[in-house]
Protein backbone atom coordinates (compact mmCIF):
# COMPACT_ATOMS: atom_id res chain seq x y z
CA MET A 1 116.52 84.48 115.88
CA ASP A 2 120.04 84.95 114.67
CA ARG A 3 122.06 88.14 115.02
CA VAL A 4 123.54 89.53 111.81
CA THR A 5 125.35 92.62 110.68
CA CYS A 6 123.62 94.82 108.14
CA PRO A 7 124.49 98.01 106.27
CA SER A 8 125.66 100.83 108.54
CA SER A 9 122.90 103.07 107.19
CA VAL A 10 120.41 100.91 109.12
CA THR A 11 122.19 99.72 112.27
CA LYS A 12 125.25 97.76 113.40
CA GLU A 13 123.51 94.60 114.58
CA VAL A 14 120.02 93.27 114.06
CA ALA A 15 117.99 90.17 114.82
CA ARG A 16 117.22 88.04 111.75
CA LEU A 17 113.99 86.16 111.02
CA ASP A 18 113.50 83.99 107.91
CA ILE A 19 109.83 83.58 106.98
CA THR A 20 110.37 82.78 103.30
CA ARG A 21 108.58 79.42 103.68
CA GLU A 22 105.63 80.78 105.67
CA ILE A 23 102.25 81.84 104.30
CA CYS A 24 99.87 84.52 105.53
CA PRO A 25 98.77 85.02 108.24
CA MET A 26 101.76 83.21 109.79
CA THR A 27 104.19 85.62 108.14
CA PHE A 28 103.15 88.49 110.38
CA VAL A 29 102.39 86.28 113.39
CA ARG A 30 106.03 85.13 113.43
CA THR A 31 107.23 88.70 112.78
CA ARG A 32 105.12 90.06 115.62
CA LEU A 33 106.34 87.39 118.04
CA ALA A 34 109.94 88.27 117.15
CA LEU A 35 109.29 91.98 117.65
CA ASP A 36 107.56 91.30 120.99
CA ARG A 37 110.78 89.70 122.29
CA MET A 38 112.87 92.74 121.34
CA ALA A 39 113.50 96.03 123.13
CA ALA A 40 112.22 99.32 121.70
CA GLY A 41 114.66 100.69 119.13
CA GLU A 42 116.12 97.31 118.16
CA VAL A 43 116.01 96.29 114.51
CA LEU A 44 114.61 93.09 113.03
CA LEU A 45 115.67 91.90 109.57
CA VAL A 46 112.84 89.84 108.10
CA LEU A 47 113.47 87.68 105.04
CA LEU A 48 110.22 87.04 103.19
CA LYS A 49 108.97 85.88 99.82
CA GLY A 50 105.74 86.41 97.88
CA ASP A 51 103.39 89.26 97.06
CA GLU A 52 101.09 88.89 100.04
CA PRO A 53 103.82 88.99 102.74
CA ARG A 54 105.58 91.79 100.83
CA ARG A 55 102.44 93.94 101.14
CA ASN A 56 101.13 92.82 104.52
CA VAL A 57 104.18 92.50 106.78
CA PRO A 58 105.47 96.09 106.36
CA ARG A 59 101.94 97.56 106.44
CA THR A 60 100.96 95.69 109.59
CA ALA A 61 104.27 96.49 111.30
CA ALA A 62 103.75 100.22 110.61
CA GLU A 63 100.14 100.02 111.84
CA GLN A 64 101.43 98.59 115.13
CA GLY A 65 103.83 101.49 115.67
CA HIS A 66 107.05 100.05 114.26
CA THR A 67 109.19 101.77 111.62
CA VAL A 68 110.00 100.15 108.28
CA LEU A 69 113.58 101.28 107.66
CA ARG A 70 114.42 99.60 104.40
CA MET A 71 113.18 97.00 101.92
CA GLU A 72 115.33 95.30 99.27
CA GLU A 73 114.43 92.59 96.77
CA ALA A 74 117.01 90.01 95.64
CA ALA A 75 117.07 88.47 92.17
CA ASP A 76 115.46 85.26 93.52
CA GLY A 77 112.43 87.19 94.80
CA THR A 78 113.47 87.14 98.45
CA VAL A 79 112.78 90.46 100.17
CA SER A 80 114.91 91.78 103.03
CA LEU A 81 112.85 94.03 105.29
CA TRP A 82 114.40 95.99 108.18
CA ILE A 83 111.94 96.99 110.94
CA ARG A 84 112.81 99.12 113.98
CA LYS A 85 110.67 98.19 116.99
CA GLY A 86 108.56 101.05 118.22
CA GLY A 87 108.31 102.13 121.84
């Protein structure tokens, strides 16, 4: 995972995970593995693409006790999803 800076409304520094080339169920498997390596309160920026990951990754993250902070879609269909790891 890379570290990137994101808008100050979310956090100063986050881990970044690009799953734009993955398909379900690997989209959330990779997201979950990344979150498992992080400390509670840290933020993960997930880059994803497609309808299924757009629906399933935020829903599954919330079901597992994480907080979806923000979701933005770019013109090319890539979605940026910020998730704060739950405790």
